[in-house]
PDB file of N, CA and C in Angstrom:
ATOM      1  N   MET A   1      11.181 -11.633  63.559  1.00  0.00           N
ATOM      2  CA  MET A   1       9.971 -12.427  63.538  1.00  0.00           C
ATOM      3  C   MET A   1      10.351 -13.908  63.548  1.00  0.00           C
ATOM      4  N   ILE A   2       9.644 -14.685  64.338  1.00  0.00           N
ATOM      5  CA  ILE A   2       9.885 -16.120  64.455  1.00  0.00           C
ATOM      6  C   ILE A   2       8.737 -16.871  63.796  1.00  0.00           C
ATOM      7  N   HIS A   3       9.060 -17.871  62.964  1.00  0.00           N
ATOM      8  CA  HIS A   3       8.050 -18.705  62.298  1.00  0.00           C
ATOM      9  C   HIS A   3       8.397 -20.168  62.490  1.00  0.00           C
ATOM     10  N   LEU A   4       7.376 -20.967  62.631  1.00  0.00           N
ATOM     11  CA  LEU A   4       7.522 -22.413  62.714  1.00  0.00           C
ATOM     12  C   LEU A   4       6.541 -23.032  61.742  1.00  0.00           C
ATOM     13  N   LEU A   5       7.024 -23.900  60.859  1.00  0.00           N
ATOM     14  CA  LEU A   5       6.168 -24.632  59.925  1.00  0.00           C
ATOM     15  C   LEU A   5       6.243 -26.112  60.257  1.00  0.00           C
ATOM     16  N   LEU A   6       5.090 -26.763  60.314  1.00  0.00           N
ATOM     17  CA  LEU A   6       5.012 -28.199  60.561  1.00  0.00           C
ATOM     18  C   LEU A   6       4.169 -28.835  59.483  1.00  0.00           C
ATOM     19  N   LYS A   7       4.523 -30.041  59.083  1.00  0.00           N
ATOM     20  CA  LYS A   7       3.638 -30.795  58.205  1.00  0.00           C
ATOM     21  C   LYS A   7       3.518 -32.201  58.751  1.00  0.00           C
ATOM     22  N   PHE A   8       2.306 -32.746  58.629  1.00  0.00           N
ATOM     23  CA  PHE A   8       2.041 -34.071  59.156  1.00  0.00           C
ATOM     24  C   PHE A   8       0.838 -34.663  58.457  1.00  0.00           C
ATOM     25  N   MET A   9       0.654 -35.960  58.636  1.00  0.00           N
ATOM     26  CA  MET A   9      -0.388 -36.704  57.938  1.00  0.00           C
ATOM     27  C   MET A   9      -1.786 -36.214  58.319  1.00  0.00           C
ATOM     28  N   LEU A  10      -2.645 -36.112  57.342  1.00  0.00           N
ATOM     29  CA  LEU A  10      -4.017 -35.669  57.522  1.00  0.00           C
ATOM     30  C   LEU A  10      -4.772 -36.530  58.528  1.00  0.00           C
ATOM     31  N   GLU A  11      -4.459 -37.819  58.585  1.00  0.00           N
ATOM     32  CA  GLU A  11      -5.147 -38.747  59.481  1.00  0.00           C
ATOM     33  C   GLU A  11      -4.814 -38.514  60.951  1.00  0.00           C
ATOM     34  N   ASN A  12      -3.785 -37.739  61.241  1.00  0.00           N
ATOM     35  CA  ASN A  12      -3.325 -37.538  62.612  1.00  0.00           C
ATOM     36  C   ASN A  12      -4.123 -36.412  63.281  1.00  0.00           C
ATOM     37  N   GLN A  13      -5.390 -36.680  63.574  1.00  0.00           N
ATOM     38  CA  GLN A  13      -6.268 -35.661  64.153  1.00  0.00           C
ATOM     39  C   GLN A  13      -5.847 -35.264  65.569  1.00  0.00           C
ATOM     40  N   ALA A  14      -5.174 -36.148  66.290  1.00  0.00           N
ATOM     41  CA  ALA A  14      -4.666 -35.788  67.617  1.00  0.00           C
ATOM     42  C   ALA A  14      -3.642 -34.659  67.491  1.00  0.00           C
ATOM     43  N   ALA A  15      -2.807 -34.711  66.458  1.00  0.00           N
ATOM     44  CA  ALA A  15      -1.819 -33.655  66.235  1.00  0.00           C
ATOM     45  C   ALA A  15      -2.501 -32.347  65.859  1.00  0.00           C
ATOM     46  N   VAL A  16      -3.526 -32.410  65.009  1.00  0.00           N
ATOM     47  CA  VAL A  16      -4.272 -31.204  64.628  1.00  0.00           C
ATOM     48  C   VAL A  16      -4.825 -30.525  65.871  1.00  0.00           C
ATOM     49  N   SER A  17      -5.462 -31.289  66.726  1.00  0.00           N
ATOM     50  CA  SER A  17      -6.046 -30.748  67.951  1.00  0.00           C
ATOM     51  C   SER A  17      -4.975 -30.141  68.856  1.00  0.00           C
ATOM     52  N   PHE A  18      -3.885 -30.860  69.060  1.00  0.00           N
ATOM     53  CA  PHE A  18      -2.807 -30.380  69.918  1.00  0.00           C
ATOM     54  C   PHE A  18      -2.211 -29.077  69.392  1.00  0.00           C
ATOM     55  N   TYR A  19      -1.852 -29.046  68.113  1.00  0.00           N
ATOM     56  CA  TYR A  19      -1.209 -27.864  67.552  1.00  0.00           C
ATOM     57  C   TYR A  19      -2.163 -26.677  67.479  1.00  0.00           C
ATOM     58  N   ASN A  20      -3.446 -26.907  67.258  1.00  0.00           N
ATOM     59  CA  ASN A  20      -4.417 -25.811  67.309  1.00  0.00           C
ATOM     60  C   ASN A  20      -4.443 -25.189  68.698  1.00  0.00           C
ATOM     61  N   LYS A  21      -4.406 -26.011  69.729  1.00  0.00           N
ATOM     62  CA  LYS A  21      -4.393 -25.507  71.108  1.00  0.00           C
ATOM     63  C   LYS A  21      -3.130 -24.712  71.398  1.00  0.00           C
ATOM     64  N   GLN A  22      -2.048 -25.005  70.678  1.00  0.00           N
ATOM     65  CA  GLN A  22      -0.782 -24.297  70.862  1.00  0.00           C
ATOM     66  C   GLN A  22      -0.698 -23.022  70.021  1.00  0.00           C
ATOM     67  N   GLY A  23      -1.738 -22.758  69.218  1.00  0.00           N
ATOM     68  CA  GLY A  23      -1.777 -21.527  68.440  1.00  0.00           C
ATOM     69  C   GLY A  23      -1.371 -21.657  66.986  1.00  0.00           C
ATOM     70  N   LEU A  24      -1.092 -22.870  66.512  1.00  0.00           N
ATOM     71  CA  LEU A  24      -0.756 -23.048  65.105  1.00  0.00           C
ATOM     72  C   LEU A  24      -2.025 -23.058  64.272  1.00  0.00           C
ATOM     73  N   LYS A  25      -1.924 -22.573  63.058  1.00  0.00           N
ATOM     74  CA  LYS A  25      -3.050 -22.518  62.128  1.00  0.00           C
ATOM     75  C   LYS A  25      -2.719 -23.331  60.880  1.00  0.00           C
ATOM     76  N   ILE A  26      -3.746 -23.992  60.330  1.00  0.00           N
ATOM     77  CA  ILE A  26      -3.562 -24.737  59.088  1.00  0.00           C
ATOM     78  C   ILE A  26      -3.396 -23.745  57.945  1.00  0.00           C
ATOM     79  N   VAL A  27      -2.288 -23.858  57.231  1.00  0.00           N
ATOM     80  CA  VAL A  27      -2.000 -22.991  56.091  1.00  0.00           C
ATOM     81  C   VAL A  27      -2.595 -23.593  54.822  1.00  0.00           C
ATOM     82  N   ARG A  28      -2.420 -24.922  54.654  1.00  0.00           N
ATOM     83  CA  ARG A  28      -2.998 -25.594  53.486  1.00  0.00           C
ATOM     84  C   ARG A  28      -2.964 -27.103  53.678  1.00  0.00           C
ATOM     85  N   LYS A  29      -3.754 -27.770  52.850  1.00  0.00           N
ATOM     86  CA  LYS A  29      -3.713 -29.225  52.738  1.00  0.00           C
ATOM     87  C   LYS A  29      -2.979 -29.525  51.446  1.00  0.00           C
ATOM     88  N   GLN A  30      -2.108 -30.525  51.481  1.00  0.00           N
ATOM     89  CA  GLN A  30      -1.292 -30.829  50.311  1.00  0.00           C
ATOM     90  C   GLN A  30      -0.995 -32.320  50.273  1.00  0.00           C
ATOM     91  N   SER A  31      -0.330 -32.760  49.226  1.00  0.00           N
ATOM     92  CA  SER A  31       0.110 -34.151  49.093  1.00  0.00           C
ATOM     93  C   SER A  31       1.629 -34.184  49.142  1.00  0.00           C
ATOM     94  N   ASP A  32       2.168 -35.204  49.810  1.00  0.00           N
ATOM     95  CA  ASP A  32       3.621 -35.348  49.846  1.00  0.00           C
ATOM     96  C   ASP A  32       4.109 -36.121  48.618  1.00  0.00           C
ATOM     97  N   GLU A  33       5.377 -36.493  48.619  1.00  0.00           N
ATOM     98  CA  GLU A  33       5.987 -37.169  47.476  1.00  0.00           C
ATOM     99  C   GLU A  33       5.343 -38.528  47.181  1.00  0.00           C
ATOM    100  N   MET A  34       4.754 -39.145  48.201  1.00  0.00           N
ATOM    101  CA  MET A  34       4.118 -40.457  48.058  1.00  0.00           C
ATOM    102  C   MET A  34       2.609 -40.326  47.834  1.00  0.00           C
ATOM    103  N   GLU A  35       2.145 -39.101  47.571  1.00  0.00           N
ATOM    104  CA  GLU A  35       0.727 -38.800  47.353  1.00  0.00           C
ATOM    105  C   GLU A  35      -0.129 -38.990  48.600  1.00  0.00           C
ATOM    106  N   SER A  36       0.497 -39.018  49.776  1.00  0.00           N
ATOM    107  CA  SER A  36      -0.245 -39.045  51.031  1.00  0.00           C
ATOM    108  C   SER A  36      -0.705 -37.627  51.344  1.00  0.00           C
ATOM    109  N   LYS A  37      -1.907 -37.496  51.877  1.00  0.00           N
ATOM    110  CA  LYS A  37      -2.442 -36.180  52.220  1.00  0.00           C
ATOM    111  C   LYS A  37      -1.821 -35.703  53.531  1.00  0.00           C
ATOM    112  N   GLU A  38      -1.469 -34.423  53.570  1.00  0.00           N
ATOM    113  CA  GLU A  38      -0.885 -33.855  54.777  1.00  0.00           C
ATOM    114  C   GLU A  38      -1.326 -32.412  54.964  1.00  0.00           C
ATOM    115  N   TYR A  39      -1.205 -31.937  56.199  1.00  0.00           N
ATOM    116  CA  TYR A  39      -1.456 -30.546  56.548  1.00  0.00           C
ATOM    117  C   TYR A  39      -0.125 -29.820  56.653  1.00  0.00           C
ATOM    118  N   LEU A  40      -0.129 -28.554  56.301  1.00  0.00           N
ATOM    119  CA  LEU A  40       0.978 -27.661  56.592  1.00  0.00           C
ATOM    120  C   LEU A  40       0.426 -26.642  57.572  1.00  0.00           C
ATOM    121  N   MET A  41       1.033 -26.574  58.763  1.00  0.00           N
ATOM    122  CA  MET A  41       0.584 -25.642  59.793  1.00  0.00           C
ATOM    123  C   MET A  41       1.693 -24.643  60.074  1.00  0.00           C
ATOM    124  N   GLN A  42       1.290 -23.451  60.532  1.00  0.00           N
ATOM    125  CA  GLN A  42       2.250 -22.378  60.779  1.00  0.00           C
ATOM    126  C   GLN A  42       1.964 -21.706  62.106  1.00  0.00           C
ATOM    127  N   TRP A  43       3.035 -21.306  62.764  1.00  0.00           N
ATOM    128  CA  TRP A  43       2.966 -20.511  63.981  1.00  0.00           C
ATOM    129  C   TRP A  43       3.986 -19.406  63.835  1.00  0.00           C
ATOM    130  N   GLY A  44       3.673 -18.247  64.349  1.00  0.00           N
ATOM    131  CA  GLY A  44       4.630 -17.159  64.265  1.00  0.00           C
ATOM    132  C   GLY A  44       4.354 -16.067  65.273  1.00  0.00           C
ATOM    133  N   LYS A  45       5.405 -15.347  65.631  1.00  0.00           N
ATOM    134  CA  LYS A  45       5.315 -14.190  66.523  1.00  0.00           C
ATOM    135  C   LYS A  45       5.941 -13.010  65.839  1.00  0.00           C
TER     136      LYS A  45
END
């Protein structure tokens, strides 16, 4: 099984749209070490 995890800033809506089109799903919203909000997305086969 292959898995890919990505995390990026919540404000980056262009990335959300792009990765959704590629089949990635949002796993959770979280805060990084600097308390910035980010998404964790996952893709797998």
